[in-house]
C-alpha atoms as a PDB file:
ATOM      1  CA  MET A   1       7.989  -0.597 -14.462  1.00  0.00           C
ATOM      2  CA  CYS A   2       4.213  -0.532 -14.741  1.00  0.00           C
ATOM      3  CA  VAL A   3       3.334   2.554 -16.798  1.00  0.00           C
ATOM      4  CA  VAL A   4      -0.160   3.830 -16.045  1.00  0.00           C
ATOM      5  CA  ARG A   5      -2.057   6.669 -17.690  1.00  0.00           C
ATOM      6  CA  MET A   6      -3.683   8.366 -14.731  1.00  0.00           C
ATOM      7  CA  PRO A   7      -6.813  10.503 -14.740  1.00  0.00           C
ATOM      8  CA  LEU A   8      -6.723  14.301 -14.666  1.00  0.00           C
ATOM      9  CA  LEU A   9      -7.482  14.414 -10.916  1.00  0.00           C
ATOM     10  CA  VAL A  10      -4.316  12.554 -10.026  1.00  0.00           C
ATOM     11  CA  LEU A  11      -2.187  14.572 -12.422  1.00  0.00           C
ATOM     12  CA  VAL A  12      -3.495  17.857 -11.037  1.00  0.00           C
ATOM     13  CA  LEU A  13      -2.845  16.707  -7.467  1.00  0.00           C
ATOM     14  CA  MET A  14       0.703  15.788  -8.398  1.00  0.00           C
ATOM     15  CA  GLY A  15       1.274  19.018 -10.327  1.00  0.00           C
ATOM     16  CA  ARG A  16       2.015  17.288 -13.593  1.00  0.00           C
ATOM     17  CA  ASN A  17       0.862  17.753 -17.187  1.00  0.00           C
ATOM     18  CA  ALA A  18      -2.322  15.703 -17.735  1.00  0.00           C
ATOM     19  CA  SER A  19      -1.146  14.546 -21.136  1.00  0.00           C
ATOM     20  CA  GLN A  20       1.964  12.824 -19.810  1.00  0.00           C
ATOM     21  CA  PRO A  21       2.042   9.156 -18.759  1.00  0.00           C
ATOM     22  CA  MET A  22       3.567   8.732 -15.353  1.00  0.00           C
ATOM     23  CA  GLU A  23       4.908   6.187 -12.966  1.00  0.00           C
ATOM     24  CA  THR A  24       3.119   5.219  -9.787  1.00  0.00           C
ATOM     25  CA  ARG A  25       5.021   4.630  -6.575  1.00  0.00           C
ATOM     26  CA  SER A  26       4.196   0.941  -6.995  1.00  0.00           C
ATOM     27  CA  ALA A  27       5.914   0.842 -10.376  1.00  0.00           C
ATOM     28  CA  ARG A  28       9.224   1.791  -8.842  1.00  0.00           C
ATOM     29  CA  ASN A  29       9.055  -1.002  -6.293  1.00  0.00           C
ATOM     30  CA  VAL A  30       8.427  -4.012  -8.525  1.00  0.00           C
ATOM     31  CA  ASN A  31      10.901  -6.829  -7.963  1.00  0.00           C
ATOM     32  CA  ILE A  32      13.145  -7.357 -10.943  1.00  0.00           C
ATOM     33  CA  GLY A  33      12.263 -11.044 -11.077  1.00  0.00           C
ATOM     34  CA  TRP A  34       8.533 -10.638 -10.500  1.00  0.00           C
ATOM     35  CA  ASN A  35       7.408 -10.747 -14.137  1.00  0.00           C
ATOM     36  CA  ASN A  36       8.710 -14.308 -14.480  1.00  0.00           C
ATOM     37  CA  HIS A  37       7.959 -15.468 -10.963  1.00  0.00           C
ATOM     38  CA  PRO A  38       5.873 -18.694 -10.739  1.00  0.00           C
ATOM     39  CA  PHE A  39       3.443 -17.095  -8.308  1.00  0.00           C
ATOM     40  CA  ARG A  40       2.704 -14.196 -10.650  1.00  0.00           C
ATOM     41  CA  TRP A  41       1.847 -16.179 -13.733  1.00  0.00           C
ATOM     42  CA  CYS A  42      -0.121 -18.773 -11.789  1.00  0.00           C
ATOM     43  CA  LEU A  43      -2.095 -16.089  -9.988  1.00  0.00           C
ATOM     44  CA  MET A  44      -2.764 -14.085 -13.140  1.00  0.00           C
ATOM     45  CA  GLU A  45      -4.211 -17.241 -14.689  1.00  0.00           C
ATOM     46  CA  ASN A  46      -6.702 -17.351 -11.808  1.00  0.00           C
ATOM     47  CA  ILE A  47      -7.537 -13.668 -12.239  1.00  0.00           C
ATOM     48  CA  SER A  48      -8.230 -14.040 -15.942  1.00  0.00           C
ATOM     49  CA  THR A  49     -11.062 -16.457 -15.250  1.00  0.00           C
ATOM     50  CA  ILE A  50     -12.909 -13.786 -13.250  1.00  0.00           C
ATOM     51  CA  ALA A  51     -11.955 -10.429 -14.773  1.00  0.00           C
ATOM     52  CA  SER A  52     -10.000  -9.091 -17.707  1.00  0.00           C
ATOM     53  CA  VAL A  53      -6.646  -7.727 -16.509  1.00  0.00           C
ATOM     54  CA  GLN A  54      -4.172  -5.857 -18.714  1.00  0.00           C
ATOM     55  CA  VAL A  55      -0.608  -5.307 -17.483  1.00  0.00           C
ATOM     56  CA  VAL A  56       2.248  -3.613 -19.298  1.00  0.00           C
ATOM     57  CA  SER A  57       5.455  -4.065 -17.365  1.00  0.00           C
ATOM     58  CA  THR A  58       9.225  -4.039 -17.377  1.00  0.00           C
ATOM     59  CA  SER A  59      11.677  -4.463 -14.518  1.00  0.00           C
ATOM     60  CA  THR A  60      13.216  -1.962 -12.125  1.00  0.00           C
ATOM     61  CA  THR A  61      14.276  -2.315  -8.501  1.00  0.00           C
ATOM     62  CA  ASN A  62      14.288  -5.073  -5.900  1.00  0.00           C
ATOM     63  CA  ASP A  63      11.856  -3.971  -3.153  1.00  0.00           C
ATOM     64  CA  THR A  64       9.750  -6.965  -2.059  1.00  0.00           C
ATOM     65  CA  THR A  65       8.314  -5.535   1.146  1.00  0.00           C
ATOM     66  CA  PRO A  66       4.864  -7.105   1.636  1.00  0.00           C
ATOM     67  CA  GLY A  67       2.230  -4.709   0.339  1.00  0.00           C
ATOM     68  CA  ALA A  68       4.778  -1.974  -0.402  1.00  0.00           C
ATOM     69  CA  ASP A  69       4.096  -1.992  -4.136  1.00  0.00           C
ATOM     70  CA  GLY A  70       0.355  -2.651  -4.149  1.00  0.00           C
ATOM     71  CA  SER A  71      -2.964  -1.046  -3.352  1.00  0.00           C
ATOM     72  CA  ILE A  72      -2.857   1.395  -0.441  1.00  0.00           C
ATOM     73  CA  ARG A  73      -6.338   0.232   0.536  1.00  0.00           C
ATOM     74  CA  GLU A  74      -5.103  -3.357   0.652  1.00  0.00           C
ATOM     75  CA  ARG A  75      -2.179  -2.254   2.801  1.00  0.00           C
ATOM     76  CA  ILE A  76      -4.524  -0.469   5.223  1.00  0.00           C
ATOM     77  CA  ARG A  77      -6.764  -3.520   5.395  1.00  0.00           C
ATOM     78  CA  GLY A  78      -3.846  -5.839   6.109  1.00  0.00           C
ATOM     79  CA  LEU A  79      -2.397  -3.654   8.870  1.00  0.00           C
ATOM     80  CA  THR A  80      -5.638  -2.543  10.553  1.00  0.00           C
ATOM     81  CA  PRO A  81      -5.754  -5.347  13.174  1.00  0.00           C
ATOM     82  CA  SER A  82      -2.281  -4.401  14.416  1.00  0.00           C
ATOM     83  CA  LEU A  83      -2.955  -0.654  14.624  1.00  0.00           C
ATOM     84  CA  SER A  84      -3.741   1.177  17.844  1.00  0.00           C
ATOM     85  CA  PRO A  85      -7.416   1.969  18.604  1.00  0.00           C
ATOM     86  CA  THR A  86      -6.759   5.495  17.356  1.00  0.00           C
ATOM     87  CA  GLY A  87      -5.184   4.199  14.160  1.00  0.00           C
ATOM     88  CA  ARG A  88      -8.114   1.849  13.587  1.00  0.00           C
ATOM     89  CA  ARG A  89     -10.576   4.751  13.857  1.00  0.00           C
ATOM     90  CA  ILE A  90      -8.658   6.617  11.177  1.00  0.00           C
ATOM     91  CA  ALA A  91      -8.485   3.484   9.016  1.00  0.00           C
ATOM     92  CA  ASP A  92     -12.252   2.999   9.344  1.00  0.00           C
ATOM     93  CA  VAL A  93     -12.925   6.527   8.089  1.00  0.00           C
ATOM     94  CA  VAL A  94     -10.507   6.127   5.177  1.00  0.00           C
ATOM     95  CA  MET A  95     -11.836   2.739   4.104  1.00  0.00           C
ATOM     96  CA  ARG A  96     -15.481   3.828   4.394  1.00  0.00           C
ATOM     97  CA  ASP A  97     -15.099   6.180   1.430  1.00  0.00           C
ATOM     98  CA  PRO A  98     -11.520   6.341   0.079  1.00  0.00           C
ATOM     99  CA  GLY A  99     -12.433   8.665  -2.784  1.00  0.00           C
ATOM    100  CA  ARG A 100     -13.783  11.340  -0.449  1.00  0.00           C
ATOM    101  CA  ILE A 101     -10.538  11.468   1.556  1.00  0.00           C
ATOM    102  CA  VAL A 102      -8.895  13.158  -1.438  1.00  0.00           C
ATOM    103  CA  GLN A 103     -11.123  16.185  -0.790  1.00  0.00           C
ATOM    104  CA  LEU A 104     -10.319  16.436   2.935  1.00  0.00           C
ATOM    105  CA  THR A 105      -7.556  18.226   4.792  1.00  0.00           C
ATOM    106  CA  VAL A 106      -5.526  16.531   7.487  1.00  0.00           C
ATOM    107  CA  THR A 107      -7.576  18.491  10.032  1.00  0.00           C
ATOM    108  CA  ASP A 108     -10.828  17.274   8.475  1.00  0.00           C
ATOM    109  CA  LEU A 109      -9.729  13.647   8.775  1.00  0.00           C
ATOM    110  CA  ALA A 110      -8.612  14.144  12.371  1.00  0.00           C
ATOM    111  CA  VAL A 111     -11.973  15.691  13.323  1.00  0.00           C
ATOM    112  CA  GLU A 112     -14.024  13.107  11.462  1.00  0.00           C
ATOM    113  CA  SER A 113     -12.163  10.211  13.056  1.00  0.00           C
ATOM    114  CA  GLY A 114     -12.190  11.813  16.517  1.00  0.00           C
ATOM    115  CA  THR A 115      -8.385  11.831  16.695  1.00  0.00           C
ATOM    116  CA  SER A 116      -5.641  14.442  16.328  1.00  0.00           C
ATOM    117  CA  LEU A 117      -3.349  15.800  13.632  1.00  0.00           C
ATOM    118  CA  ALA A 118      -0.435  13.910  15.154  1.00  0.00           C
ATOM    119  CA  SER A 119      -2.442  10.680  15.068  1.00  0.00           C
ATOM    120  CA  VAL A 120      -3.194  11.082  11.362  1.00  0.00           C
ATOM    121  CA  VAL A 121       0.480  11.731  10.631  1.00  0.00           C
ATOM    122  CA  ARG A 122       1.450   8.676  12.691  1.00  0.00           C
ATOM    123  CA  PHE A 123      -1.137   6.615  10.796  1.00  0.00           C
ATOM    124  CA  CYS A 124       0.482   7.635   7.498  1.00  0.00           C
ATOM    125  CA  LYS A 125       3.928   6.738   8.838  1.00  0.00           C
ATOM    126  CA  ASP A 126       2.635   3.306   9.890  1.00  0.00           C
ATOM    127  CA  LEU A 127       1.710   2.791   6.230  1.00  0.00           C
ATOM    128  CA  ASP A 128       5.259   3.751   5.152  1.00  0.00           C
ATOM    129  CA  LEU A 129       3.934   6.890   3.455  1.00  0.00           C
ATOM    130  CA  GLY A 130       5.564  10.287   3.352  1.00  0.00           C
ATOM    131  CA  GLY A 131       2.586  11.978   4.986  1.00  0.00           C
ATOM    132  CA  PHE A 132      -1.089  12.814   4.502  1.00  0.00           C
ATOM    133  CA  GLY A 133      -0.442  14.272   1.048  1.00  0.00           C
ATOM    134  CA  ASP A 134       1.118  10.994  -0.018  1.00  0.00           C
ATOM    135  CA  LEU A 135      -1.936   9.123   1.277  1.00  0.00           C
ATOM    136  CA  LYS A 136      -4.257  11.372  -0.761  1.00  0.00           C
ATOM    137  CA  LEU A 137      -2.212  10.863  -3.926  1.00  0.00           C
ATOM    138  CA  ARG A 138      -2.283   7.092  -3.529  1.00  0.00           C
ATOM    139  CA  LEU A 139      -6.019   7.044  -2.861  1.00  0.00           C
ATOM    140  CA  ALA A 140      -6.663   9.370  -5.790  1.00  0.00           C
ATOM    141  CA  ALA A 141      -4.668   7.119  -8.120  1.00  0.00           C
ATOM    142  CA  GLU A 142      -6.759   4.118  -7.103  1.00  0.00           C
ATOM    143  CA  THR A 143     -10.234   5.600  -6.838  1.00  0.00           C
ATOM    144  CA  ALA A 144     -10.225   8.065  -9.740  1.00  0.00           C
ATOM    145  CA  SER A 145      -9.015   5.455 -12.237  1.00  0.00           C
ATOM    146  CA  VAL A 146     -11.986   3.176 -11.626  1.00  0.00           C
ATOM    147  CA  GLN A 147     -14.682   3.727 -14.228  1.00  0.00           C
ATOM    148  CA  ASP A 148     -17.560   1.600 -13.008  1.00  0.00           C
ATOM    149  CA  SER A 149     -20.545   1.009 -15.251  1.00  0.00           C
ATOM    150  CA  PRO A 150     -23.962   1.377 -13.626  1.00  0.00           C
ATOM    151  CA  ALA A 151     -24.451  -1.652 -11.361  1.00  0.00           C
ATOM    152  CA  PRO A 152     -27.724  -3.437 -10.718  1.00  0.00           C
ATOM    153  CA  PRO A 153     -29.344  -2.773  -7.331  1.00  0.00           C
ATOM    154  CA  PRO A 154     -27.146  -4.589  -4.751  1.00  0.00           C
ATOM    155  CA  GLU A 155     -30.139  -6.343  -3.188  1.00  0.00           C
ATOM    156  CA  SER A 156     -31.096  -7.999  -6.485  1.00  0.00           C
ATOM    157  CA  PRO A 157     -29.702 -11.434  -7.416  1.00  0.00           C
ATOM    158  CA  ALA A 158     -27.791  -9.878 -10.332  1.00  0.00           C
ATOM    159  CA  GLY A 159     -26.367  -7.199  -8.041  1.00  0.00           C
ATOM    160  CA  MET A 160     -25.213  -9.747  -5.499  1.00  0.00           C
ATOM    161  CA  LEU A 161     -23.593 -11.859  -8.195  1.00  0.00           C
ATOM    162  CA  ALA A 162     -21.793  -8.813  -9.618  1.00  0.00           C
ATOM    163  CA  GLU A 163     -20.614  -7.706  -6.176  1.00  0.00           C
ATOM    164  CA  VAL A 164     -19.203 -11.103  -5.212  1.00  0.00           C
ATOM    165  CA  LEU A 165     -17.444 -11.577  -8.564  1.00  0.00           C
ATOM    166  CA  ARG A 166     -16.040  -8.054  -8.435  1.00  0.00           C
ATOM    167  CA  SER A 167     -14.694  -8.509  -4.914  1.00  0.00           C
ATOM    168  CA  SER A 168     -13.178 -11.856  -5.901  1.00  0.00           C
ATOM    169  CA  ALA A 169     -11.424 -10.334  -8.915  1.00  0.00           C
ATOM    170  CA  ASP A 170     -10.146  -7.425  -6.807  1.00  0.00           C
ATOM    171  CA  ALA A 171      -8.846  -9.814  -4.149  1.00  0.00           C
ATOM    172  CA  LEU A 172      -6.938 -11.912  -6.680  1.00  0.00           C
ATOM    173  CA  ASN A 173      -5.554  -8.805  -8.367  1.00  0.00           C
ATOM    174  CA  THR A 174      -4.206  -7.308  -5.145  1.00  0.00           C
ATOM    175  CA  ALA A 175      -2.709 -10.628  -4.012  1.00  0.00           C
ATOM    176  CA  ALA A 176       0.079 -10.156  -6.542  1.00  0.00           C
ATOM    177  CA  SER A 177       1.292  -7.143  -4.557  1.00  0.00           C
ATOM    178  CA  THR A 178       0.737  -8.379  -0.987  1.00  0.00           C
ATOM    179  CA  VAL A 179       2.536 -11.733  -1.195  1.00  0.00           C
ATOM    180  CA  ASP A 180       6.221 -11.380  -0.345  1.00  0.00           C
ATOM    181  CA  THR A 181       8.022 -13.041  -3.267  1.00  0.00           C
ATOM    182  CA  ASN A 182      11.033 -13.836  -1.085  1.00  0.00           C
ATOM    183  CA  ALA A 183       8.787 -15.684   1.360  1.00  0.00           C
ATOM    184  CA  PHE A 184       7.052 -17.438  -1.525  1.00  0.00           C
ATOM    185  CA  THR A 185      10.378 -18.601  -2.970  1.00  0.00           C
ATOM    186  CA  ALA A 186      11.515 -19.806   0.462  1.00  0.00           C
ATOM    187  CA  ALA A 187       8.240 -21.715   0.882  1.00  0.00           C
ATOM    188  CA  ILE A 188       8.805 -23.477  -2.463  1.00  0.00           C
ATOM    189  CA  ASP A 189      12.289 -24.603  -1.386  1.00  0.00           C
ATOM    190  CA  ILE A 190      11.018 -25.813   1.991  1.00  0.00           C
ATOM    191  CA  LEU A 191       8.136 -27.833   0.563  1.00  0.00           C
ATOM    192  CA  ALA A 192      10.238 -29.315  -2.230  1.00  0.00           C
ATOM    193  CA  SER A 193      12.872 -30.613   0.202  1.00  0.00           C
ATOM    194  CA  ALA A 194      10.730 -31.554   3.209  1.00  0.00           C
ATOM    195  CA  ARG A 195      10.627 -35.230   4.161  1.00  0.00           C
ATOM    196  CA  HIS A 196       7.082 -34.800   5.431  1.00  0.00           C
ATOM    197  CA  ILE A 197       4.559 -31.942   5.133  1.00  0.00           C
ATOM    198  CA  LEU A 198       1.734 -31.343   7.602  1.00  0.00           C
ATOM    199  CA  VAL A 199      -1.006 -28.992   6.354  1.00  0.00           C
ATOM    200  CA  VAL A 200      -3.364 -27.611   9.013  1.00  0.00           C
ATOM    201  CA  GLY A 201      -6.477 -25.466   8.921  1.00  0.00           C
ATOM    202  CA  VAL A 202      -9.816 -25.462  10.707  1.00  0.00           C
ATOM    203  CA  GLY A 203     -13.259 -24.099   9.926  1.00  0.00           C
ATOM    204  CA  THR A 204     -13.453 -22.648   6.428  1.00  0.00           C
ATOM    205  CA  SER A 205      -9.688 -23.157   5.998  1.00  0.00           C
ATOM    206  CA  ALA A 206     -10.014 -26.929   6.514  1.00  0.00           C
ATOM    207  CA  PRO A 207     -11.135 -27.687   2.921  1.00  0.00           C
ATOM    208  CA  LEU A 208      -8.177 -25.670   1.615  1.00  0.00           C
ATOM    209  CA  ALA A 209      -5.799 -27.699   3.784  1.00  0.00           C
ATOM    210  CA  GLN A 210      -7.301 -30.977   2.558  1.00  0.00           C
ATOM    211  CA  ASP A 211      -7.068 -29.917  -1.079  1.00  0.00           C
ATOM    212  CA  CYS A 212      -3.497 -28.647  -0.684  1.00  0.00           C
ATOM    213  CA  ALA A 213      -2.299 -31.881   0.926  1.00  0.00           C
ATOM    214  CA  TYR A 214      -3.951 -33.920  -1.822  1.00  0.00           C
ATOM    215  CA  ARG A 215      -2.342 -31.842  -4.565  1.00  0.00           C
ATOM    216  CA  LEU A 216       1.105 -32.096  -2.968  1.00  0.00           C
ATOM    217  CA  ARG A 217       0.611 -35.843  -2.538  1.00  0.00           C
ATOM    218  CA  SER A 218      -0.330 -36.128  -6.229  1.00  0.00           C
ATOM    219  CA  ILE A 219       3.121 -34.872  -7.250  1.00  0.00           C
ATOM    220  CA  GLY A 220       4.947 -37.332  -5.016  1.00  0.00           C
ATOM    221  CA  LEU A 221       5.357 -35.355  -1.783  1.00  0.00           C
ATOM    222  CA  LEU A 222       4.480 -36.962   1.542  1.00  0.00           C
ATOM    223  CA  ALA A 223       1.788 -34.565   2.719  1.00  0.00           C
ATOM    224  CA  GLU A 224      -1.171 -34.963   5.061  1.00  0.00           C
ATOM    225  CA  ALA A 225      -3.967 -32.775   6.418  1.00  0.00           C
ATOM    226  CA  PRO A 226      -5.658 -34.407   9.440  1.00  0.00           C
ATOM    227  CA  ALA A 227      -9.242 -33.236   9.916  1.00  0.00           C
ATOM    228  CA  ASP A 228      -9.271 -33.621  13.702  1.00  0.00           C
ATOM    229  CA  VAL A 229      -7.600 -30.780  15.625  1.00  0.00           C
ATOM    230  CA  HIS A 230      -6.186 -33.175  18.233  1.00  0.00           C
ATOM    231  CA  VAL A 231      -4.536 -35.208  15.492  1.00  0.00           C
ATOM    232  CA  GLN A 232      -3.179 -31.981  13.996  1.00  0.00           C
ATOM    233  CA  HIS A 233      -1.621 -31.051  17.337  1.00  0.00           C
ATOM    234  CA  VAL A 234      -0.103 -34.486  17.939  1.00  0.00           C
ATOM    235  CA  SER A 235       1.169 -34.725  14.357  1.00  0.00           C
ATOM    236  CA  ALA A 236       2.794 -31.299  14.644  1.00  0.00           C
ATOM    237  CA  ALA A 237       4.531 -32.302  17.881  1.00  0.00           C
ATOM    238  CA  PHE A 238       6.106 -35.308  16.122  1.00  0.00           C
ATOM    239  CA  LEU A 239       7.600 -33.245  13.292  1.00  0.00           C
ATOM    240  CA  SER A 240      11.357 -32.710  13.032  1.00  0.00           C
ATOM    241  CA  SER A 241      13.913 -30.396  11.475  1.00  0.00           C
ATOM    242  CA  ASP A 242      13.599 -32.033   8.042  1.00  0.00           C
ATOM    243  CA  THR A 243       9.821 -31.625   7.903  1.00  0.00           C
ATOM    244  CA  ALA A 244       7.447 -28.697   7.379  1.00  0.00           C
ATOM    245  CA  LEU A 245       4.125 -27.362   8.598  1.00  0.00           C
ATOM    246  CA  LEU A 246       1.871 -25.300   6.310  1.00  0.00           C
ATOM    247  CA  ALA A 247      -0.785 -23.439   8.331  1.00  0.00           C
ATOM    248  CA  ILE A 248      -3.808 -21.779   6.686  1.00  0.00           C
ATOM    249  CA  SER A 249      -5.846 -19.193   8.587  1.00  0.00           C
ATOM    250  CA  HIS A 250      -7.710 -16.096   7.386  1.00  0.00           C
ATOM    251  CA  THR A 251      -7.343 -14.151  10.638  1.00  0.00           C
ATOM    252  CA  GLY A 252      -4.151 -15.782  11.884  1.00  0.00           C
ATOM    253  CA  GLN A 253      -5.787 -15.975  15.297  1.00  0.00           C
ATOM    254  CA  THR A 254      -7.464 -19.410  15.308  1.00  0.00           C
ATOM    255  CA  ARG A 255      -6.496 -21.169  18.541  1.00  0.00           C
ATOM    256  CA  GLU A 256      -6.197 -24.700  17.129  1.00  0.00           C
ATOM    257  CA  THR A 257      -4.048 -23.590  14.193  1.00  0.00           C
ATOM    258  CA  LEU A 258      -1.806 -21.582  16.505  1.00  0.00           C
ATOM    259  CA  THR A 259      -1.433 -24.611  18.786  1.00  0.00           C
ATOM    260  CA  ALA A 260      -0.291 -26.795  15.885  1.00  0.00           C
ATOM    261  CA  ALA A 261       2.090 -24.109  14.606  1.00  0.00           C
ATOM    262  CA  SER A 262       3.591 -23.662  18.062  1.00  0.00           C
ATOM    263  CA  ALA A 263       4.115 -27.419  18.437  1.00  0.00           C
ATOM    264  CA  ALA A 264       5.773 -27.607  15.011  1.00  0.00           C
ATOM    265  CA  ARG A 265       8.067 -24.748  15.921  1.00  0.00           C
ATOM    266  CA  GLU A 266       9.076 -26.450  19.158  1.00  0.00           C
ATOM    267  CA  ALA A 267       9.830 -29.580  17.124  1.00  0.00           C
ATOM    268  CA  SER A 268      12.212 -27.511  14.927  1.00  0.00           C
ATOM    269  CA  ALA A 269      10.098 -27.987  11.790  1.00  0.00           C
ATOM    270  CA  ALA A 270       9.994 -25.274   9.136  1.00  0.00           C
ATOM    271  CA  THR A 271       6.748 -23.336   9.357  1.00  0.00           C
ATOM    272  CA  ILE A 272       4.813 -21.485   6.641  1.00  0.00           C
ATOM    273  CA  ALA A 273       1.636 -19.429   7.082  1.00  0.00           C
ATOM    274  CA  VAL A 274      -0.987 -18.564   4.463  1.00  0.00           C
ATOM    275  CA  THR A 275      -3.089 -15.787   5.962  1.00  0.00           C
ATOM    276  CA  SER A 276      -4.784 -12.455   5.245  1.00  0.00           C
ATOM    277  CA  PHE A 277      -3.012 -10.095   7.650  1.00  0.00           C
ATOM    278  CA  HIS A 278       0.611  -9.035   7.922  1.00  0.00           C
ATOM    279  CA  ARG A 279       0.689  -8.907  11.710  1.00  0.00           C
ATOM    280  CA  SER A 280      -1.004 -11.672  13.666  1.00  0.00           C
ATOM    281  CA  PRO A 281      -0.111 -14.386  16.192  1.00  0.00           C
ATOM    282  CA  LEU A 282       0.330 -16.834  13.312  1.00  0.00           C
ATOM    283  CA  THR A 283       2.773 -14.659  11.365  1.00  0.00           C
ATOM    284  CA  GLU A 284       4.751 -14.196  14.590  1.00  0.00           C
ATOM    285  CA  LEU A 285       4.992 -17.969  15.048  1.00  0.00           C
ATOM    286  CA  CYS A 286       5.870 -18.976  11.482  1.00  0.00           C
ATOM    287  CA  ASP A 287       9.189 -18.689   9.661  1.00  0.00           C
ATOM    288  CA  HIS A 288       7.559 -17.423   6.477  1.00  0.00           C
ATOM    289  CA  ALA A 289       4.186 -15.746   5.905  1.00  0.00           C
ATOM    290  CA  LEU A 290       2.343 -15.595   2.580  1.00  0.00           C
ATOM    291  CA  VAL A 291      -0.105 -12.745   3.137  1.00  0.00           C
ATOM    292  CA  ALA A 292      -3.017 -12.402   0.734  1.00  0.00           C
ATOM    293  CA  GLY A 293      -6.634 -11.763   1.508  1.00  0.00           C
ATOM    294  CA  SER A 294      -9.681  -9.587   1.064  1.00  0.00           C
ATOM    295  CA  PRO A 295     -11.926  -7.359   3.134  1.00  0.00           C
ATOM    296  CA  GLU A 296     -15.341  -8.814   3.882  1.00  0.00           C
ATOM    297  CA  THR A 297     -18.388  -7.393   2.125  1.00  0.00           C
ATOM    298  CA  ARG A 298     -21.805  -7.011   3.659  1.00  0.00           C
ATOM    299  CA  HIS A 299     -23.060 -10.048   1.696  1.00  0.00           C
ATOM    300  CA  GLN A 300     -20.345 -12.298   3.154  1.00  0.00           C
ATOM    301  CA  ILE A 301     -20.696 -14.208   6.401  1.00  0.00           C
ATOM    302  CA  GLU A 302     -16.961 -14.848   6.260  1.00  0.00           C
ATOM    303  CA  ALA A 303     -14.249 -13.639   3.905  1.00  0.00           C
ATOM    304  CA  ARG A 304     -15.106 -15.866   0.944  1.00  0.00           C
ATOM    305  CA  ALA A 305     -12.874 -13.876  -1.380  1.00  0.00           C
ATOM    306  CA  SER A 306      -9.963 -14.465   0.989  1.00  0.00           C
ATOM    307  CA  ARG A 307     -10.460 -18.202   0.732  1.00  0.00           C
ATOM    308  CA  LEU A 308     -10.423 -17.862  -3.040  1.00  0.00           C
ATOM    309  CA  VAL A 309      -7.116 -15.988  -2.851  1.00  0.00           C
ATOM    310  CA  HIS A 310      -5.643 -18.498  -0.407  1.00  0.00           C
ATOM    311  CA  SER A 311      -6.630 -21.266  -2.796  1.00  0.00           C
ATOM    312  CA  ALA A 312      -4.815 -19.445  -5.623  1.00  0.00           C
ATOM    313  CA  VAL A 313      -1.689 -19.047  -3.469  1.00  0.00           C
ATOM    314  CA  LEU A 314      -1.748 -22.748  -2.597  1.00  0.00           C
ATOM    315  CA  ASP A 315      -2.217 -23.630  -6.276  1.00  0.00           C
ATOM    316  CA  ALA A 316       0.779 -21.456  -7.085  1.00  0.00           C
ATOM    317  CA  LEU A 317       2.868 -23.267  -4.464  1.00  0.00           C
ATOM    318  CA  HIS A 318       1.842 -26.624  -5.925  1.00  0.00           C
ATOM    319  CA  THR A 319       2.663 -25.496  -9.461  1.00  0.00           C
ATOM    320  CA  ALA A 320       6.011 -23.964  -8.493  1.00  0.00           C
ATOM    321  CA  VAL A 321       7.133 -27.020  -6.502  1.00  0.00           C
ATOM    322  CA  ALA A 322       6.207 -29.295  -9.403  1.00  0.00           C
ATOM    323  CA  HIS A 323       8.135 -27.004 -11.769  1.00  0.00           C
ATOM    324  CA  GLN A 324      11.226 -27.077  -9.528  1.00  0.00           C
ATOM    325  CA  GLN A 325      11.576 -30.874  -9.493  1.00  0.00           C
ATOM    326  CA  PRO A 326      10.104 -32.121 -12.792  1.00  0.00           C
ATOM    327  CA  THR A 327      11.999 -35.416 -12.789  1.00  0.00           C
ATOM    328  CA  VAL A 328      10.374 -36.340  -9.469  1.00  0.00           C
ATOM    329  CA  THR A 329       7.001 -34.655  -9.674  1.00  0.00           C
ATOM    330  CA  GLY A 330       6.337 -35.427 -13.342  1.00  0.00           C
ATOM    331  CA  PRO A 331       6.141 -39.236 -13.037  1.00  0.00           C
ATOM    332  CA  ALA A 332       4.188 -38.911  -9.779  1.00  0.00           C
ATOM    333  CA  ALA A 333       1.656 -36.580 -11.407  1.00  0.00           C
ATOM    334  CA  ASP A 334       1.266 -38.992 -14.338  1.00  0.00           C
ATOM    335  CA  LEU A 335       0.643 -41.888 -11.956  1.00  0.00           C
ATOM    336  CA  ALA A 336      -1.911 -39.882  -9.972  1.00  0.00           C
ATOM    337  CA  ALA A 337      -3.693 -38.876 -13.179  1.00  0.00           C
ATOM    338  CA  ARG A 338      -3.934 -42.533 -14.324  1.00  0.00           C
ATOM    339  CA  ILE A 339      -5.358 -43.561 -10.950  1.00  0.00           C
ATOM    340  CA  VAL A 340      -7.938 -40.783 -10.955  1.00  0.00           C
ATOM    341  CA  ALA A 341      -8.938 -41.717 -14.531  1.00  0.00           C
ATOM    342  CA  GLU A 342      -9.901 -45.193 -13.294  1.00  0.00           C
ATOM    343  CA  HIS A 343     -12.688 -43.607 -11.240  1.00  0.00           C
ATOM    344  CA  ARG A 344     -14.349 -41.912 -14.216  1.00  0.00           C
ATOM    345  CA  LEU A 345     -16.944 -43.382 -16.510  1.00  0.00           C
END
């Protein structure tokens, strides 16, 4: 279990002695195999290059529900697109200033969001929480424990750099709790055994698809990532039951990616999605969804931090597949490294 010393505010809200360490809800839901899972240690390696992260953990139960053991704000962000218009209004108010919600009553939140008491309660149920009190406790645990040092003005170059790096570190940190480890393990098995792997992505996801296919190819797997969307569609239609499609999309709503995923599904190929939202057309189409992403900031044209997280997830897949079949992937990786060395001065 992850033992966290919470601030006085959280302890008072929970009616506990402020001097006692306590367990968060997330600590009780950590998968028993998570500490040694390939995705965790690969992802934490990515996090350490951006921010210093300290984790003290042991094992408890086996709940691997996506987002169930992570940040409540990340869970709200991931589910917002699938909420009703009323639920989205409540989510907007909560995400605008999570720390202030701790001071509100359920009636205050209903009035401020232009909804009703029943709508707020339903919103909490959609998040798998016990009620509004549970939501306040979770938000208090997250917001009160953050001790930010004075930041430079956000419009300055230093402020922008700090904001982007901070959002990137936060996105990588929360990815460890939003990716379903069962889905990740299934994806490893599928990729390791697939006769052919088609990786698709358009727009800002296209470079990730290209890089992923190259990395899989470098460990001896037959992988490709066509740049042209027509070629993606045709290639997906010619897949079969012993092949796999890996689709990358931040929103999970990109038409061309959905077309390729649908064609692969009709061809009986195994399908895997890497996306930022739990409920989307892409997650409905694919057999397994690896959900990890980040909210956009006002300095981002698109979710750059999400692409960073998706890249980390894809790196973790590559590392885990290579680890699963060392006798095959090892010699292939050595050969690829020798070839690449020939192109260096």
